[in-house]
């Protein structure tokens, strides 16, 4: 099922297909947790489906009953290729792309075209991206390539320029909250906390609602507030937070900085920042940038405990 906020994107894709104007190379881009993969999966199913035709004006989704749909649902469709990093890796290798290119040149087995989805596309290295260029420009037969991307700026311009861009935007906050309440059946307070933890991404927020990670986000807020009242407790707070997943930890610290800047600039209040404290917005912006940098460094050999303690000390210094 297509998420409600994807309807405009889906209508555009359907209209392009019916008018035989659908590009053979698509880049579905937007922030993580907005349903890009759901949009890609729906398009893959429709393009491979043998129960409907491209010009069928009454069909806006795959039939779900034909042999193609059954195979795709079971993960065994011979004309579909799902390209992503191997488990535990953070790169799409050039040999994966080369193997895909070879497979696209083979005759179709069931459907009228071959489909490939590369995700997250920004994890292709330079060699992988370069190997894909010719297929993006001159695909084999009626093959369609779909690149799902969280950060298109990390891809070479030569790749981006060869794809039709489909931008998926985050829904507005009120719509997200209503959707999350309907999906989860949880209270407005829980839903809003999850949405804040997810940086406004409703799909990720729904995952947080059913996960202990939501408690970890609340733990970070409590720790940051504690530091503002007791600046000398940075080492203790660091020990409380060091076991959290580094990617989540730094993304949440960055998000908390952004929220603190917004509240400081607008004079608004929130339930997690002490009312008696005034913060330095310029320093908070610097800390937000540093959190984003540390998020990338956390995947390297740099000691995470030292990064965290230094950052927390600087956070405690933002009181004015």
C-alpha atoms as a PDB file:
ATOM      1  CA  UNK A   1       0.000   0.000   0.000  1.00  0.00           C
ATOM      2  CA  UNK A   2       1.267   3.473  -0.901  1.00  0.00           C
ATOM      3  CA  UNK A   3       1.635   5.842   2.042  1.00  0.00           C
ATOM      4  CA  UNK A   4      -0.777   8.809   1.854  1.00  0.00           C
ATOM      5  CA  UNK A   5       1.975  11.395   1.368  1.00  0.00           C
ATOM      6  CA  UNK A   6       3.325   9.423  -1.622  1.00  0.00           C
ATOM      7  CA  UNK A   7       0.115   9.716  -3.654  1.00  0.00           C
ATOM      8  CA  UNK A   8       1.342  12.653  -5.760  1.00  0.00           C
ATOM      9  CA  UNK A   9       4.573  10.818  -6.597  1.00  0.00           C
ATOM     10  CA  UNK A  10       2.657   7.652  -7.417  1.00  0.00           C
ATOM     11  CA  UNK A  11       0.143   9.487  -9.612  1.00  0.00           C
ATOM     12  CA  UNK A  12       3.008  11.048 -11.562  1.00  0.00           C
ATOM     13  CA  UNK A  13       4.645   7.658 -12.133  1.00  0.00           C
ATOM     14  CA  UNK A  14       1.352   6.057 -13.208  1.00  0.00           C
ATOM     15  CA  UNK A  15       0.601   8.935 -15.563  1.00  0.00           C
ATOM     16  CA  UNK A  16       4.084   8.720 -17.091  1.00  0.00           C
ATOM     17  CA  UNK A  17       3.721   4.963 -17.593  1.00  0.00           C
ATOM     18  CA  UNK A  18       0.298   5.237 -19.216  1.00  0.00           C
ATOM     19  CA  UNK A  19       1.595   7.950 -21.552  1.00  0.00           C
ATOM     20  CA  UNK A  20       4.651   5.789 -22.319  1.00  0.00           C
ATOM     21  CA  UNK A  21       6.907   8.532 -20.989  1.00  0.00           C
ATOM     22  CA  UNK A  22       8.371   6.719 -17.983  1.00  0.00           C
ATOM     23  CA  UNK A  23      12.144   7.111 -17.908  1.00  0.00           C
ATOM     24  CA  UNK A  24      14.309   3.992 -17.996  1.00  0.00           C
ATOM     25  CA  UNK A  25      16.492   5.349 -15.169  1.00  0.00           C
ATOM     26  CA  UNK A  26      14.797   6.800 -12.077  1.00  0.00           C
ATOM     27  CA  UNK A  27      16.261   8.223  -8.899  1.00  0.00           C
ATOM     28  CA  UNK A  28      13.833   8.219  -5.977  1.00  0.00           C
ATOM     29  CA  UNK A  29      15.407  10.601  -3.496  1.00  0.00           C
ATOM     30  CA  UNK A  30      14.590  12.124  -0.126  1.00  0.00           C
ATOM     31  CA  UNK A  31      15.401  11.851   3.549  1.00  0.00           C
ATOM     32  CA  UNK A  32      15.481   8.445   5.211  1.00  0.00           C
ATOM     33  CA  UNK A  33      12.227   7.127   6.621  1.00  0.00           C
ATOM     34  CA  UNK A  34       9.854   8.792   4.163  1.00  0.00           C
ATOM     35  CA  UNK A  35       8.787   5.665   2.257  1.00  0.00           C
ATOM     36  CA  UNK A  36      11.046   5.838  -0.795  1.00  0.00           C
ATOM     37  CA  UNK A  37      11.586   2.085  -0.780  1.00  0.00           C
ATOM     38  CA  UNK A  38       7.833   1.482  -0.536  1.00  0.00           C
ATOM     39  CA  UNK A  39       7.359   3.665  -3.623  1.00  0.00           C
ATOM     40  CA  UNK A  40      10.097   1.783  -5.480  1.00  0.00           C
ATOM     41  CA  UNK A  41       8.677  -1.621  -4.518  1.00  0.00           C
ATOM     42  CA  UNK A  42       5.206  -0.652  -5.754  1.00  0.00           C
ATOM     43  CA  UNK A  43       6.616   0.528  -9.085  1.00  0.00           C
ATOM     44  CA  UNK A  44       8.724  -2.614  -9.476  1.00  0.00           C
ATOM     45  CA  UNK A  45       5.675  -4.803  -8.875  1.00  0.00           C
ATOM     46  CA  UNK A  46       3.586  -2.870 -11.393  1.00  0.00           C
ATOM     47  CA  UNK A  47       6.254  -2.869 -14.112  1.00  0.00           C
ATOM     48  CA  UNK A  48       6.840  -6.608 -13.756  1.00  0.00           C
ATOM     49  CA  UNK A  49       3.176  -7.583 -13.397  1.00  0.00           C
ATOM     50  CA  UNK A  50       1.788  -9.672 -16.266  1.00  0.00           C
ATOM     51  CA  UNK A  51      -1.799  -9.192 -15.118  1.00  0.00           C
ATOM     52  CA  UNK A  52      -1.924  -5.565 -16.268  1.00  0.00           C
ATOM     53  CA  UNK A  53      -0.482  -3.705 -19.240  1.00  0.00           C
ATOM     54  CA  UNK A  54       1.357  -0.379 -19.377  1.00  0.00           C
ATOM     55  CA  UNK A  55      -1.576   1.244 -21.167  1.00  0.00           C
ATOM     56  CA  UNK A  56      -4.305  -0.168 -18.905  1.00  0.00           C
ATOM     57  CA  UNK A  57      -5.992   3.040 -17.751  1.00  0.00           C
ATOM     58  CA  UNK A  58      -7.925   1.313 -14.968  1.00  0.00           C
ATOM     59  CA  UNK A  59      -4.952  -0.292 -13.229  1.00  0.00           C
ATOM     60  CA  UNK A  60      -2.956   1.767 -10.737  1.00  0.00           C
ATOM     61  CA  UNK A  61      -1.187  -1.138  -9.025  1.00  0.00           C
ATOM     62  CA  UNK A  62       0.088  -4.647  -9.706  1.00  0.00           C
ATOM     63  CA  UNK A  63      -2.622  -7.323  -9.738  1.00  0.00           C
ATOM     64  CA  UNK A  64      -0.974  -9.312  -6.940  1.00  0.00           C
ATOM     65  CA  UNK A  65      -2.248 -12.589  -8.389  1.00  0.00           C
ATOM     66  CA  UNK A  66      -0.274 -13.376 -11.534  1.00  0.00           C
ATOM     67  CA  UNK A  67       2.801 -15.617 -11.607  1.00  0.00           C
ATOM     68  CA  UNK A  68       5.083 -12.581 -11.733  1.00  0.00           C
ATOM     69  CA  UNK A  69       3.533 -11.052  -8.615  1.00  0.00           C
ATOM     70  CA  UNK A  70       3.754 -14.381  -6.774  1.00  0.00           C
ATOM     71  CA  UNK A  71       7.443 -14.778  -7.608  1.00  0.00           C
ATOM     72  CA  UNK A  72       8.234 -11.198  -6.676  1.00  0.00           C
ATOM     73  CA  UNK A  73       6.428 -11.583  -3.354  1.00  0.00           C
ATOM     74  CA  UNK A  74       8.480 -14.697  -2.672  1.00  0.00           C
ATOM     75  CA  UNK A  75      11.741 -12.973  -3.533  1.00  0.00           C
ATOM     76  CA  UNK A  76      12.385 -15.265  -6.497  1.00  0.00           C
ATOM     77  CA  UNK A  77      11.514 -13.220  -9.590  1.00  0.00           C
ATOM     78  CA  UNK A  78      14.101 -13.997 -12.299  1.00  0.00           C
ATOM     79  CA  UNK A  79      13.708 -10.598 -13.966  1.00  0.00           C
ATOM     80  CA  UNK A  80      14.208  -8.506 -10.820  1.00  0.00           C
ATOM     81  CA  UNK A  81      17.554  -7.641  -9.281  1.00  0.00           C
ATOM     82  CA  UNK A  82      17.852  -6.128  -5.817  1.00  0.00           C
ATOM     83  CA  UNK A  83      21.270  -4.523  -5.371  1.00  0.00           C
ATOM     84  CA  UNK A  84      22.340  -3.420  -1.909  1.00  0.00           C
ATOM     85  CA  UNK A  85      25.423  -3.683   0.319  1.00  0.00           C
ATOM     86  CA  UNK A  86      26.274  -7.112   1.656  1.00  0.00           C
ATOM     87  CA  UNK A  87      25.356  -7.682   5.286  1.00  0.00           C
ATOM     88  CA  UNK A  88      27.688  -5.788   7.582  1.00  0.00           C
ATOM     89  CA  UNK A  89      29.116  -3.705   4.733  1.00  0.00           C
ATOM     90  CA  UNK A  90      28.527  -0.074   3.796  1.00  0.00           C
ATOM     91  CA  UNK A  91      29.452  -0.112   0.108  1.00  0.00           C
ATOM     92  CA  UNK A  92      27.952  -1.456  -3.122  1.00  0.00           C
ATOM     93  CA  UNK A  93      30.863  -3.121  -4.882  1.00  0.00           C
ATOM     94  CA  UNK A  94      31.763  -2.751  -8.535  1.00  0.00           C
ATOM     95  CA  UNK A  95      31.464  -6.516  -9.119  1.00  0.00           C
ATOM     96  CA  UNK A  96      27.839  -6.360  -7.932  1.00  0.00           C
ATOM     97  CA  UNK A  97      27.120  -3.690 -10.549  1.00  0.00           C
ATOM     98  CA  UNK A  98      28.979  -5.570 -13.287  1.00  0.00           C
ATOM     99  CA  UNK A  99      27.053  -8.743 -12.519  1.00  0.00           C
ATOM    100  CA  UNK A 100      23.812  -6.757 -12.708  1.00  0.00           C
ATOM    101  CA  UNK A 101      24.749  -5.301 -16.100  1.00  0.00           C
ATOM    102  CA  UNK A 102      25.443  -8.780 -17.441  1.00  0.00           C
ATOM    103  CA  UNK A 103      22.094 -10.053 -16.174  1.00  0.00           C
ATOM    104  CA  UNK A 104      20.181  -7.155 -17.749  1.00  0.00           C
ATOM    105  CA  UNK A 105      21.409  -8.203 -21.193  1.00  0.00           C
ATOM    106  CA  UNK A 106      19.877 -11.673 -20.869  1.00  0.00           C
ATOM    107  CA  UNK A 107      16.420 -12.488 -22.252  1.00  0.00           C
ATOM    108  CA  UNK A 108      13.514 -11.911 -19.891  1.00  0.00           C
ATOM    109  CA  UNK A 109      12.010 -15.021 -18.292  1.00  0.00           C
ATOM    110  CA  UNK A 110       8.484 -13.988 -17.335  1.00  0.00           C
ATOM    111  CA  UNK A 111       7.863 -10.267 -17.554  1.00  0.00           C
ATOM    112  CA  UNK A 112       8.195  -7.983 -20.556  1.00  0.00           C
ATOM    113  CA  UNK A 113      11.154  -6.143 -19.019  1.00  0.00           C
ATOM    114  CA  UNK A 114      13.886  -6.506 -16.448  1.00  0.00           C
ATOM    115  CA  UNK A 115      13.972  -4.343 -13.308  1.00  0.00           C
ATOM    116  CA  UNK A 116      16.771  -3.447 -10.943  1.00  0.00           C
ATOM    117  CA  UNK A 117      16.671  -1.470  -7.723  1.00  0.00           C
ATOM    118  CA  UNK A 118      19.923  -0.142  -6.261  1.00  0.00           C
ATOM    119  CA  UNK A 119      19.630   1.048  -2.669  1.00  0.00           C
ATOM    120  CA  UNK A 120      20.920   3.065  -0.954  1.00  0.00           C
ATOM    121  CA  UNK A 121      22.436   4.261  -4.218  1.00  0.00           C
ATOM    122  CA  UNK A 122      24.815   6.688  -2.506  1.00  0.00           C
ATOM    123  CA  UNK A 123      26.728   3.678  -1.166  1.00  0.00           C
ATOM    124  CA  UNK A 124      28.081   2.902  -4.616  1.00  0.00           C
ATOM    125  CA  UNK A 125      31.770   3.706  -4.740  1.00  0.00           C
ATOM    126  CA  UNK A 126      33.317   5.566  -7.669  1.00  0.00           C
ATOM    127  CA  UNK A 127      34.109   2.375  -9.560  1.00  0.00           C
ATOM    128  CA  UNK A 128      30.542   1.071  -9.099  1.00  0.00           C
ATOM    129  CA  UNK A 129      28.999   4.365 -10.202  1.00  0.00           C
ATOM    130  CA  UNK A 130      31.212   4.571 -13.279  1.00  0.00           C
ATOM    131  CA  UNK A 131      30.414   0.978 -14.231  1.00  0.00           C
ATOM    132  CA  UNK A 132      26.699   1.832 -14.187  1.00  0.00           C
ATOM    133  CA  UNK A 133      26.878   4.910 -16.428  1.00  0.00           C
ATOM    134  CA  UNK A 134      26.454   3.186 -19.795  1.00  0.00           C
ATOM    135  CA  UNK A 135      23.446   1.203 -18.574  1.00  0.00           C
ATOM    136  CA  UNK A 136      21.828   4.376 -17.252  1.00  0.00           C
ATOM    137  CA  UNK A 137      22.273   6.039 -20.627  1.00  0.00           C
ATOM    138  CA  UNK A 138      21.582   3.043 -22.886  1.00  0.00           C
ATOM    139  CA  UNK A 139      19.741   0.321 -20.961  1.00  0.00           C
ATOM    140  CA  UNK A 140      19.527  -3.213 -22.274  1.00  0.00           C
ATOM    141  CA  UNK A 141      16.178  -3.744 -23.984  1.00  0.00           C
ATOM    142  CA  UNK A 142      13.294  -2.378 -21.930  1.00  0.00           C
ATOM    143  CA  UNK A 143      15.161  -2.612 -18.633  1.00  0.00           C
ATOM    144  CA  UNK A 144      14.327  -0.055 -15.954  1.00  0.00           C
ATOM    145  CA  UNK A 145      16.840   0.957 -13.295  1.00  0.00           C
ATOM    146  CA  UNK A 146      15.628   2.480 -10.030  1.00  0.00           C
ATOM    147  CA  UNK A 147      18.092   4.163  -7.694  1.00  0.00           C
ATOM    148  CA  UNK A 148      16.778   4.829  -4.187  1.00  0.00           C
ATOM    149  CA  UNK A 149      18.860   7.500  -2.550  1.00  0.00           C
ATOM    150  CA  UNK A 150      18.935   9.238   0.837  1.00  0.00           C
ATOM    151  CA  UNK A 151      21.771  11.605  -0.080  1.00  0.00           C
ATOM    152  CA  UNK A 152      22.046  12.252  -3.849  1.00  0.00           C
ATOM    153  CA  UNK A 153      24.848  14.743  -3.250  1.00  0.00           C
ATOM    154  CA  UNK A 154      27.159  11.797  -2.564  1.00  0.00           C
ATOM    155  CA  UNK A 155      26.627  10.441  -6.068  1.00  0.00           C
ATOM    156  CA  UNK A 156      28.659  11.683  -9.062  1.00  0.00           C
ATOM    157  CA  UNK A 157      26.843  14.263 -11.172  1.00  0.00           C
ATOM    158  CA  UNK A 158      27.311  11.913 -14.136  1.00  0.00           C
ATOM    159  CA  UNK A 159      24.969   9.439 -12.427  1.00  0.00           C
ATOM    160  CA  UNK A 160      22.418  12.005 -11.258  1.00  0.00           C
ATOM    161  CA  UNK A 161      22.187  13.664 -14.672  1.00  0.00           C
ATOM    162  CA  UNK A 162      21.258  10.356 -16.324  1.00  0.00           C
ATOM    163  CA  UNK A 163      18.289   9.708 -14.030  1.00  0.00           C
ATOM    164  CA  UNK A 164      14.853  11.229 -13.776  1.00  0.00           C
ATOM    165  CA  UNK A 165      14.533  12.586 -10.255  1.00  0.00           C
ATOM    166  CA  UNK A 166      11.503  11.646  -8.152  1.00  0.00           C
ATOM    167  CA  UNK A 167      11.692  13.680  -4.939  1.00  0.00           C
ATOM    168  CA  UNK A 168       9.890  12.285  -1.904  1.00  0.00           C
ATOM    169  CA  UNK A 169       9.225  14.961   0.699  1.00  0.00           C
ATOM    170  CA  UNK A 170       8.416  14.528   4.373  1.00  0.00           C
ATOM    171  CA  UNK A 171       4.747  15.073   5.170  1.00  0.00           C
ATOM    172  CA  UNK A 172       3.897  17.985   7.440  1.00  0.00           C
ATOM    173  CA  UNK A 173       4.004  17.365  11.183  1.00  0.00           C
ATOM    174  CA  UNK A 174       0.233  17.321  11.740  1.00  0.00           C
ATOM    175  CA  UNK A 175      -0.338  14.784   8.944  1.00  0.00           C
ATOM    176  CA  UNK A 176       2.486  12.616  10.271  1.00  0.00           C
ATOM    177  CA  UNK A 177       1.069  12.624  13.796  1.00  0.00           C
ATOM    178  CA  UNK A 178      -2.419  11.687  12.596  1.00  0.00           C
ATOM    179  CA  UNK A 179      -1.023   8.846  10.466  1.00  0.00           C
ATOM    180  CA  UNK A 180       1.154   7.544  13.305  1.00  0.00           C
ATOM    181  CA  UNK A 181      -1.732   7.630  15.771  1.00  0.00           C
ATOM    182  CA  UNK A 182      -3.905   5.672  13.350  1.00  0.00           C
ATOM    183  CA  UNK A 183      -1.168   3.126  12.630  1.00  0.00           C
ATOM    184  CA  UNK A 184       0.073   2.591  16.170  1.00  0.00           C
ATOM    185  CA  UNK A 185      -2.923   3.307  18.383  1.00  0.00           C
ATOM    186  CA  UNK A 186      -0.550   5.025  20.814  1.00  0.00           C
ATOM    187  CA  UNK A 187      -1.022   8.303  22.645  1.00  0.00           C
ATOM    188  CA  UNK A 188      -0.193  11.671  21.124  1.00  0.00           C
ATOM    189  CA  UNK A 189       2.738  12.124  23.531  1.00  0.00           C
ATOM    190  CA  UNK A 190       4.386   8.869  22.460  1.00  0.00           C
ATOM    191  CA  UNK A 191       3.765   9.590  18.787  1.00  0.00           C
ATOM    192  CA  UNK A 192       5.239  13.087  19.003  1.00  0.00           C
ATOM    193  CA  UNK A 193       8.324  11.830  20.845  1.00  0.00           C
ATOM    194  CA  UNK A 194       8.850   9.144  18.197  1.00  0.00           C
ATOM    195  CA  UNK A 195       8.469  11.674  15.396  1.00  0.00           C
ATOM    196  CA  UNK A 196      11.041  13.943  17.040  1.00  0.00           C
ATOM    197  CA  UNK A 197      13.418  10.994  17.480  1.00  0.00           C
ATOM    198  CA  UNK A 198      12.965  10.181  13.792  1.00  0.00           C
ATOM    199  CA  UNK A 199      13.734  13.723  12.673  1.00  0.00           C
ATOM    200  CA  UNK A 200      10.227  14.106  11.224  1.00  0.00           C
ATOM    201  CA  UNK A 201      10.310  10.876   9.193  1.00  0.00           C
ATOM    202  CA  UNK A 202       7.007   9.045   9.838  1.00  0.00           C
ATOM    203  CA  UNK A 203       8.107   5.576   8.702  1.00  0.00           C
ATOM    204  CA  UNK A 204      11.126   5.615  10.989  1.00  0.00           C
ATOM    205  CA  UNK A 205       8.965   7.075  13.761  1.00  0.00           C
ATOM    206  CA  UNK A 206       6.588   4.104  13.502  1.00  0.00           C
ATOM    207  CA  UNK A 207       9.569   1.779  13.954  1.00  0.00           C
ATOM    208  CA  UNK A 208      10.683   3.705  17.034  1.00  0.00           C
ATOM    209  CA  UNK A 209       7.238   3.454  18.633  1.00  0.00           C
ATOM    210  CA  UNK A 210       7.591  -0.318  18.744  1.00  0.00           C
ATOM    211  CA  UNK A 211      11.270  -0.226  19.740  1.00  0.00           C
ATOM    212  CA  UNK A 212      13.249   0.371  22.961  1.00  0.00           C
ATOM    213  CA  UNK A 213      15.260   2.914  20.963  1.00  0.00           C
ATOM    214  CA  UNK A 214      12.578   5.465  21.802  1.00  0.00           C
ATOM    215  CA  UNK A 215      13.576   5.199  25.458  1.00  0.00           C
ATOM    216  CA  UNK A 216      17.173   5.857  24.431  1.00  0.00           C
ATOM    217  CA  UNK A 217      16.147   9.112  22.758  1.00  0.00           C
ATOM    218  CA  UNK A 218      14.396  10.218  25.937  1.00  0.00           C
ATOM    219  CA  UNK A 219      17.503   9.243  27.884  1.00  0.00           C
ATOM    220  CA  UNK A 220      19.622  11.576  25.757  1.00  0.00           C
ATOM    221  CA  UNK A 221      17.298  14.510  26.386  1.00  0.00           C
ATOM    222  CA  UNK A 222      17.369  13.902  30.130  1.00  0.00           C
ATOM    223  CA  UNK A 223      21.167  13.686  30.034  1.00  0.00           C
ATOM    224  CA  UNK A 224      21.539  16.954  28.111  1.00  0.00           C
ATOM    225  CA  UNK A 225      19.206  18.763  30.499  1.00  0.00           C
ATOM    226  CA  UNK A 226      21.166  17.375  33.435  1.00  0.00           C
ATOM    227  CA  UNK A 227      24.385  18.766  31.993  1.00  0.00           C
ATOM    228  CA  UNK A 228      22.953  22.253  31.676  1.00  0.00           C
ATOM    229  CA  UNK A 229      22.128  22.238  35.396  1.00  0.00           C
ATOM    230  CA  UNK A 230      25.330  20.447  36.450  1.00  0.00           C
ATOM    231  CA  UNK A 231      28.095  21.321  33.927  1.00  0.00           C
ATOM    232  CA  UNK A 232      30.728  19.332  35.794  1.00  0.00           C
ATOM    233  CA  UNK A 233      28.985  15.988  35.195  1.00  0.00           C
ATOM    234  CA  UNK A 234      30.119  15.503  31.575  1.00  0.00           C
ATOM    235  CA  UNK A 235      32.181  12.377  32.322  1.00  0.00           C
ATOM    236  CA  UNK A 236      29.264  10.757  34.196  1.00  0.00           C
ATOM    237  CA  UNK A 237      26.779  11.593  31.435  1.00  0.00           C
ATOM    238  CA  UNK A 238      29.233  10.284  28.843  1.00  0.00           C
ATOM    239  CA  UNK A 239      29.292   6.898  30.581  1.00  0.00           C
ATOM    240  CA  UNK A 240      25.483   6.841  30.601  1.00  0.00           C
ATOM    241  CA  UNK A 241      25.298   7.359  26.836  1.00  0.00           C
ATOM    242  CA  UNK A 242      28.368   5.587  25.468  1.00  0.00           C
ATOM    243  CA  UNK A 243      26.580   2.240  24.956  1.00  0.00           C
ATOM    244  CA  UNK A 244      23.971   3.700  22.598  1.00  0.00           C
ATOM    245  CA  UNK A 245      24.270   2.971  18.891  1.00  0.00           C
ATOM    246  CA  UNK A 246      26.760   5.575  17.577  1.00  0.00           C
ATOM    247  CA  UNK A 247      24.735   6.428  14.479  1.00  0.00           C
ATOM    248  CA  UNK A 248      21.579   7.035  16.516  1.00  0.00           C
ATOM    249  CA  UNK A 249      23.474   8.798  19.305  1.00  0.00           C
ATOM    250  CA  UNK A 250      25.058  11.436  17.082  1.00  0.00           C
ATOM    251  CA  UNK A 251      21.965  11.905  14.928  1.00  0.00           C
ATOM    252  CA  UNK A 252      19.893  12.507  18.061  1.00  0.00           C
ATOM    253  CA  UNK A 253      22.460  14.885  19.556  1.00  0.00           C
ATOM    254  CA  UNK A 254      22.416  16.836  16.283  1.00  0.00           C
ATOM    255  CA  UNK A 255      18.611  16.868  16.346  1.00  0.00           C
ATOM    256  CA  UNK A 256      18.546  18.111  19.952  1.00  0.00           C
ATOM    257  CA  UNK A 257      20.898  20.948  19.007  1.00  0.00           C
ATOM    258  CA  UNK A 258      18.685  21.927  16.097  1.00  0.00           C
ATOM    259  CA  UNK A 259      15.612  21.940  18.345  1.00  0.00           C
ATOM    260  CA  UNK A 260      17.424  23.980  20.994  1.00  0.00           C
ATOM    261  CA  UNK A 261      18.440  26.550  18.362  1.00  0.00           C
ATOM    262  CA  UNK A 262      14.862  26.829  17.117  1.00  0.00           C
ATOM    263  CA  UNK A 263      13.491  27.229  20.633  1.00  0.00           C
ATOM    264  CA  UNK A 264      16.144  29.798  21.521  1.00  0.00           C
ATOM    265  CA  UNK A 265      15.507  31.883  18.413  1.00  0.00           C
ATOM    266  CA  UNK A 266      11.715  31.816  18.780  1.00  0.00           C
ATOM    267  CA  UNK A 267      11.583  32.138  22.560  1.00  0.00           C
ATOM    268  CA  UNK A 268       9.519  28.958  22.790  1.00  0.00           C
ATOM    269  CA  UNK A 269       9.746  26.370  25.532  1.00  0.00           C
ATOM    270  CA  UNK A 270       9.868  22.595  25.621  1.00  0.00           C
ATOM    271  CA  UNK A 271       9.411  20.042  28.377  1.00  0.00           C
ATOM    272  CA  UNK A 272      12.982  18.737  28.259  1.00  0.00           C
ATOM    273  CA  UNK A 273      15.069  21.932  28.409  1.00  0.00           C
ATOM    274  CA  UNK A 274      15.220  23.765  31.766  1.00  0.00           C
ATOM    275  CA  UNK A 275      13.142  26.960  31.676  1.00  0.00           C
ATOM    276  CA  UNK A 276      15.761  28.828  33.700  1.00  0.00           C
ATOM    277  CA  UNK A 277      18.527  28.268  31.138  1.00  0.00           C
ATOM    278  CA  UNK A 278      19.402  30.492  28.168  1.00  0.00           C
ATOM    279  CA  UNK A 279      21.607  29.010  25.452  1.00  0.00           C
ATOM    280  CA  UNK A 280      24.033  30.406  22.890  1.00  0.00           C
ATOM    281  CA  UNK A 281      22.497  29.751  19.426  1.00  0.00           C
ATOM    282  CA  UNK A 282      25.789  30.227  17.558  1.00  0.00           C
ATOM    283  CA  UNK A 283      27.525  27.712  19.786  1.00  0.00           C
ATOM    284  CA  UNK A 284      24.627  25.277  19.368  1.00  0.00           C
ATOM    285  CA  UNK A 285      24.924  25.474  15.584  1.00  0.00           C
ATOM    286  CA  UNK A 286      28.634  24.671  15.876  1.00  0.00           C
ATOM    287  CA  UNK A 287      27.771  21.715  18.103  1.00  0.00           C
ATOM    288  CA  UNK A 288      25.173  20.483  15.614  1.00  0.00           C
ATOM    289  CA  UNK A 289      27.759  20.519  12.838  1.00  0.00           C
ATOM    290  CA  UNK A 290      30.237  18.731  15.091  1.00  0.00           C
ATOM    291  CA  UNK A 291      27.664  16.064  15.917  1.00  0.00           C
ATOM    292  CA  UNK A 292      27.156  15.457  12.196  1.00  0.00           C
ATOM    293  CA  UNK A 293      30.924  15.168  11.721  1.00  0.00           C
ATOM    294  CA  UNK A 294      31.258  12.833  14.711  1.00  0.00           C
ATOM    295  CA  UNK A 295      28.507  10.642  13.289  1.00  0.00           C
ATOM    296  CA  UNK A 296      30.743   9.960  10.296  1.00  0.00           C
ATOM    297  CA  UNK A 297      33.840   9.597  12.470  1.00  0.00           C
ATOM    298  CA  UNK A 298      32.074   7.012  14.633  1.00  0.00           C
ATOM    299  CA  UNK A 299      32.515   4.485  11.839  1.00  0.00           C
ATOM    300  CA  UNK A 300      36.300   4.996  11.909  1.00  0.00           C
ATOM    301  CA  UNK A 301      38.973   4.012  14.425  1.00  0.00           C
ATOM    302  CA  UNK A 302      38.586   7.277  16.370  1.00  0.00           C
ATOM    303  CA  UNK A 303      37.700   6.636  20.028  1.00  0.00           C
ATOM    304  CA  UNK A 304      34.012   7.287  20.427  1.00  0.00           C
ATOM    305  CA  UNK A 305      34.193   7.871  24.187  1.00  0.00           C
ATOM    306  CA  UNK A 306      36.607  10.774  23.734  1.00  0.00           C
ATOM    307  CA  UNK A 307      34.495  12.307  20.973  1.00  0.00           C
ATOM    308  CA  UNK A 308      31.405  12.093  23.150  1.00  0.00           C
ATOM    309  CA  UNK A 309      32.959  13.498  26.305  1.00  0.00           C
ATOM    310  CA  UNK A 310      34.479  16.453  24.445  1.00  0.00           C
ATOM    311  CA  UNK A 311      31.131  17.182  22.784  1.00  0.00           C
ATOM    312  CA  UNK A 312      29.239  17.022  26.088  1.00  0.00           C
ATOM    313  CA  UNK A 313      31.697  19.410  27.742  1.00  0.00           C
ATOM    314  CA  UNK A 314      31.100  21.894  24.952  1.00  0.00           C
ATOM    315  CA  UNK A 315      27.320  21.445  25.284  1.00  0.00           C
ATOM    316  CA  UNK A 316      27.502  22.327  28.984  1.00  0.00           C
ATOM    317  CA  UNK A 317      29.382  25.521  28.061  1.00  0.00           C
ATOM    318  CA  UNK A 318      26.496  26.889  25.965  1.00  0.00           C
ATOM    319  CA  UNK A 319      24.648  28.374  28.944  1.00  0.00           C
ATOM    320  CA  UNK A 320      24.693  32.180  28.827  1.00  0.00           C
END
